[in-house]
Protein backbone atom coordinates (compact mmCIF):
# COMPACT_ATOMS: atom_id res chain seq x y z
CA MET A 1 0.06 -0.07 0.03
CA LEU A 2 1.25 3.45 -0.98
CA GLN A 3 2.16 5.31 2.15
CA THR A 4 4.79 7.97 1.18
CA VAL A 5 4.63 10.36 -1.64
CA TYR A 6 7.11 12.96 -2.92
CA TYR A 7 5.16 15.36 -5.27
CA CYS A 8 7.45 17.91 -7.19
CA ARG A 9 5.48 18.06 -10.47
CA ARG A 10 5.29 21.67 -11.54
CA SER A 11 3.17 22.78 -14.53
CA LYS A 12 3.77 25.97 -16.47
CA ARG A 13 -0.05 26.05 -17.11
CA PRO A 14 -1.64 24.22 -14.08
CA GLN A 15 -5.08 22.91 -14.87
CA ALA A 16 -7.52 22.10 -11.77
CA ASP A 17 -8.90 18.89 -12.99
CA THR A 18 -5.39 17.43 -13.43
CA PHE A 19 -4.50 18.31 -9.74
CA TRP A 20 -7.80 16.78 -8.56
CA GLN A 21 -6.99 13.62 -10.37
CA HIS A 22 -3.56 13.41 -8.69
CA CYS A 23 -5.21 13.79 -5.36
CA ARG A 24 -6.11 10.24 -5.74
CA MET A 25 -2.73 9.56 -4.37
CA PHE A 26 -4.38 10.13 -0.96
CA GLY A 27 -6.72 7.22 -1.77
CA TYR A 28 -10.23 6.59 -0.27
CA ASP A 29 -9.69 4.38 2.76
CA ARG A 30 -6.15 5.24 4.01
CA ASP A 31 -5.44 6.06 7.56
CA PRO A 32 -4.22 9.80 7.55
CA GLY A 33 -1.91 9.07 10.44
CA LEU A 34 0.12 6.63 8.20
CA MET A 35 0.33 8.97 5.23
CA ARG A 36 3.24 10.99 4.38
CA VAL A 37 3.08 13.48 1.55
CA TYR A 38 6.25 15.75 0.84
CA LEU A 39 5.96 18.71 -1.40
CA PRO A 40 7.26 22.29 -1.99
CA PRO A 41 5.36 25.23 -0.34
CA PHE A 42 4.09 26.64 -3.35
CA LEU A 43 2.49 23.16 -4.34
CA LEU A 44 1.05 22.79 -0.76
CA LYS A 45 -0.57 26.20 -1.22
CA LEU A 46 -1.85 25.10 -4.77
CA PHE A 47 -3.47 21.87 -3.38
CA THR A 48 -5.06 23.87 -0.51
CA ASP A 49 -6.64 26.53 -2.81
CA LEU A 50 -7.94 23.80 -5.19
CA ASN A 51 -9.45 21.92 -2.30
CA SER A 52 -11.35 25.08 -1.25
CA VAL A 53 -12.38 25.36 -4.84
CA ASN A 54 -13.84 21.83 -4.68
CA SER A 55 -15.60 22.57 -1.16
CA SER A 56 -16.91 25.93 -2.78
CA LEU A 57 -18.56 23.76 -5.79
CA ILE A 58 -20.33 21.37 -3.18
CA ASN A 59 -21.36 24.26 -1.10
CA GLN A 60 -23.06 26.10 -4.07
CA VAL A 61 -24.76 23.04 -5.19
CA VAL A 62 -26.24 22.43 -1.77
CA LYS A 63 -27.33 25.99 -1.19
CA ASN A 64 -28.39 27.11 -4.68
CA GLY A 65 -28.80 23.85 -6.80
CA LEU A 66 -27.33 23.48 -10.12
CA ASP A 67 -28.25 26.93 -11.50
CA GLY A 68 -25.87 29.86 -11.32
CA ILE A 69 -22.82 27.87 -10.30
CA SER A 70 -19.37 29.80 -10.39
CA LEU A 71 -16.06 28.08 -10.29
CA LEU A 72 -13.53 30.32 -8.00
CA LEU A 73 -9.94 29.71 -8.88
CA PRO A 74 -6.65 31.33 -8.15
CA PRO A 75 -5.06 33.35 -10.98
CA GLY A 76 -2.90 31.11 -13.41
CA ILE A 77 -5.08 28.16 -13.01
CA LYS A 78 -7.44 26.96 -15.70
CA PRO A 79 -10.29 24.57 -15.12
CA THR A 80 -9.30 22.11 -17.75
CA ARG A 81 -7.66 21.69 -21.21
CA LYS A 82 -8.81 23.91 -23.99
CA ASN A 83 -10.15 20.89 -26.08
CA VAL A 84 -12.45 19.52 -23.21
CA ILE A 85 -14.65 22.78 -22.92
CA ASP A 86 -15.72 25.32 -25.63
CA GLU A 87 -14.54 28.61 -24.36
CA ASP A 88 -17.25 30.34 -26.15
CA PHE A 89 -19.72 28.89 -23.56
CA LEU A 90 -17.40 29.99 -20.61
CA ASN A 91 -17.72 33.37 -18.76
CA LEU A 92 -14.55 34.56 -17.07
CA VAL A 93 -14.62 37.34 -14.45
CA VAL A 94 -11.45 38.38 -12.97
CA GLY A 95 -11.41 39.74 -9.34
CA GLY A 96 -9.57 43.06 -8.46
CA VAL A 97 -10.78 44.90 -11.48
CA ASP A 98 -13.59 47.73 -11.72
CA MET A 99 -16.36 46.92 -14.02
CA PHE A 100 -19.05 49.18 -14.64
CA ALA A 101 -22.23 49.85 -16.83
CA GLY A 102 -21.72 52.38 -19.31
CA TYR A 103 -25.39 51.99 -20.52
CA PRO A 104 -27.48 51.55 -17.36
CA LYS A 105 -31.24 51.00 -17.76
CA LYS A 106 -33.46 53.61 -16.39
CA LYS A 107 -35.30 51.01 -14.54
CA HIS A 108 -36.23 50.29 -10.73
CA VAL A 109 -34.86 53.72 -9.80
CA ARG A 110 -37.43 54.39 -7.31
CA ASP A 111 -37.06 50.73 -5.78
CA ILE A 112 -33.32 51.44 -5.43
CA ASP A 113 -33.83 54.91 -4.05
CA LEU A 114 -35.68 53.48 -1.33
CA MET A 115 -33.17 50.72 -0.61
CA LEU A 116 -30.40 53.25 -0.32
CA ASP A 117 -32.28 56.04 1.29
CA SER A 118 -30.71 55.60 4.75
CA PHE A 119 -27.08 55.05 3.59
CA ASP A 120 -24.38 57.75 3.99
CA ASP A 121 -23.34 59.13 0.55
CA GLY A 122 -20.75 61.78 1.77
CA ALA A 123 -17.32 61.91 0.23
CA GLY A 124 -15.19 59.07 1.60
CA SER A 125 -18.16 57.33 3.15
CA TYR A 126 -18.65 53.60 2.76
CA ASN A 127 -21.10 51.11 4.08
CA LYS A 128 -20.56 47.47 5.33
CA VAL A 129 -23.56 45.43 3.88
CA THR A 130 -24.56 41.59 3.70
CA LEU A 131 -23.79 39.77 0.48
CA LYS A 132 -27.65 39.15 0.17
CA PHE A 133 -28.13 42.74 0.04
CA ILE A 134 -25.57 43.31 -2.75
CA THR A 135 -27.30 40.58 -4.78
CA ASP A 136 -30.75 42.32 -4.25
CA LEU A 137 -29.26 45.49 -5.68
CA LEU A 138 -27.76 43.75 -8.49
CA GLU A 139 -30.91 42.06 -9.54
CA LYS A 140 -32.37 45.77 -10.18
CA LEU A 141 -29.08 47.02 -12.02
CA GLU A 142 -29.24 46.13 -15.61
CA SER A 143 -27.70 47.50 -18.87
CA GLU A 144 -28.94 47.95 -22.27
CA ASN A 145 -26.06 45.69 -23.31
CA LYS A 146 -25.23 42.45 -21.53
CA ILE A 147 -21.69 42.69 -22.96
CA ASP A 148 -21.44 46.03 -21.22
CA TRP A 149 -22.61 44.80 -17.79
CA ASP A 150 -23.50 41.10 -17.34
CA HIS A 151 -25.39 41.48 -13.85
CA GLU A 152 -26.55 37.97 -13.76
CA SER A 153 -22.95 36.65 -13.89
CA TYR A 154 -21.89 39.19 -11.10
CA ILE A 155 -24.80 37.81 -8.88
CA ASP A 156 -23.59 34.30 -9.39
CA CYS A 157 -20.06 35.36 -8.42
CA VAL A 158 -21.28 37.03 -5.22
CA LYS A 159 -23.37 33.99 -4.33
CA ALA A 160 -20.23 31.72 -4.94
CA LEU A 161 -18.28 33.86 -2.49
CA GLU A 162 -21.03 33.43 0.06
CA ALA A 163 -21.27 29.62 -0.43
CA ASP A 164 -17.46 29.21 -0.30
CA LYS A 165 -17.41 31.56 2.83
CA LYS A 166 -14.56 33.65 1.13
CA ALA A 167 -16.57 36.69 2.20
CA GLN A 168 -19.49 37.14 4.48
CA SER A 169 -20.07 40.70 3.80
CA GLY A 170 -19.42 43.51 1.13
CA ILE A 171 -18.79 47.22 0.82
CA LEU A 172 -21.36 49.61 -0.73
CA ILE A 173 -20.32 53.04 -1.87
CA VAL A 174 -23.22 55.32 -2.58
CA ARG A 175 -22.93 58.71 -4.14
CA LYS A 176 -25.92 60.73 -5.51
CA ASN A 177 -26.39 63.67 -7.74
CA ARG A 178 -23.63 62.72 -10.29
CA ASP A 179 -23.36 64.17 -13.72
CA ILE A 180 -21.79 61.45 -16.04
CA LYS A 181 -22.16 61.04 -19.65
CA LYS A 182 -23.50 57.92 -21.24
CA ALA A 183 -20.73 55.18 -22.05
CA PRO A 184 -18.00 57.00 -20.31
CA ARG A 185 -14.37 55.69 -20.44
CA THR A 186 -14.39 55.49 -16.72
CA MET A 187 -17.05 55.84 -14.13
CA LEU A 188 -15.29 56.09 -10.60
CA SER A 189 -13.76 59.31 -9.24
CA GLU A 190 -10.15 58.83 -8.16
CA ASP A 191 -11.01 58.93 -4.65
CA ASP A 192 -13.66 56.25 -4.85
CA ARG A 193 -11.39 54.06 -7.00
CA MET A 194 -8.73 54.16 -4.35
CA LEU A 195 -11.46 53.70 -1.66
CA GLY A 196 -12.67 50.53 -3.27
CA ARG A 197 -9.11 49.12 -3.51
CA LYS A 198 -8.63 49.22 -0.01
CA PHE A 199 -11.06 46.21 0.44
CA LYS A 200 -9.16 43.47 -1.30
CA ASN A 201 -10.91 40.56 0.29
CA LYS A 202 -14.55 41.91 -0.13
CA PRO A 203 -16.84 42.54 -3.11
CA VAL A 204 -17.29 46.44 -3.60
CA LEU A 205 -20.25 47.64 -5.25
CA THR A 206 -20.31 51.53 -6.03
CA LEU A 207 -23.46 53.21 -7.04
CA TYR A 208 -23.78 56.65 -8.58
CA ARG A 209 -27.30 58.15 -8.98
CA ILE A 210 -26.84 60.25 -12.23
CA VAL A 211 -28.88 63.11 -13.44
CA GLY A 212 -28.97 61.93 -17.16
CA GLU A 213 -30.43 65.15 -18.56
CA ASP A 214 -27.82 65.65 -21.00
CA LYS A 215 -24.47 64.32 -22.10
CA GLY A 216 -25.63 61.55 -24.41
CA TRP A 217 -28.83 60.81 -22.41
CA GLU A 218 -31.04 63.13 -24.60
CA HIS A 219 -33.42 60.14 -25.94
CA ASP A 220 -33.50 58.55 -22.60
CA GLY A 221 -33.25 61.36 -19.86
CA GLY A 222 -33.98 61.14 -16.21
CA ALA A 223 -32.32 60.02 -13.27
CA ARG A 224 -30.86 56.29 -13.09
CA TRP A 225 -28.20 54.42 -10.95
CA MET A 226 -24.90 53.55 -12.62
CA PRO A 227 -23.15 50.51 -10.96
CA ASN A 228 -19.48 49.50 -10.59
CA ILE A 229 -18.45 46.15 -8.99
CA ARG A 230 -15.17 45.05 -8.08
CA LEU A 231 -14.74 41.39 -6.83
CA PRO A 232 -12.11 40.30 -4.34
CA ASP A 233 -8.45 40.44 -5.56
CA ASN A 234 -6.55 37.15 -6.40
CA MET A 235 -9.79 35.37 -7.70
CA VAL A 236 -10.81 34.14 -11.02
CA PHE A 237 -14.54 33.20 -11.52
CA TYR A 238 -15.43 30.69 -14.29
CA LYS A 239 -19.23 30.46 -15.19
CA THR A 240 -20.76 28.59 -18.02
CA CYS A 241 -23.06 30.75 -19.97
CA ASP A 242 -25.83 29.99 -22.78
């Protein structure tokens, strides 16, 4: 019976499914007290991270069923070989990046106003909220173009964080009476961008309530909420898409 393993295999392009297969070296009915595995620290971390990914998948299925499952992987790790899955049906969302809707719909404005009525919107302010509250907001934040802002994928990512217990709360930044043109090159002010970057391990949702009377909104004027989301650093989310 195999009891001692020296694992030194290092891949330039690690794949999650390959490492999961290699975990069979631990067997199914072996006594942990009799097993000895020797490996470099960076491979130990990789196995630890991928074990968390596997636990996340199980937790997501238990909590949310088979719909809306996201695979959370460390940077540089791919789910599997390119010829195994069609990348046209795989949506990738990278953490630590600001993503915003340049074409937000004028929809659910009153509902969002009520949800955010009691939140501080002063310069430099932020609010700690539940992940459920963030997903409730994301449900109401749509774009004219799914490529511009895929709110359903962001919802699934936040639910994956909750199921994996990577984060139990998020950060909400609210700013009102903003005057931003339609489809801007960037949404956030420099101060708000730097503020969001402070929370590296939490999802950060920033909402600007814009007037929208001119600057490209002429044919669809009126107030609306423009969202920006930043998912935790050092995470990559894979999600199958239709």
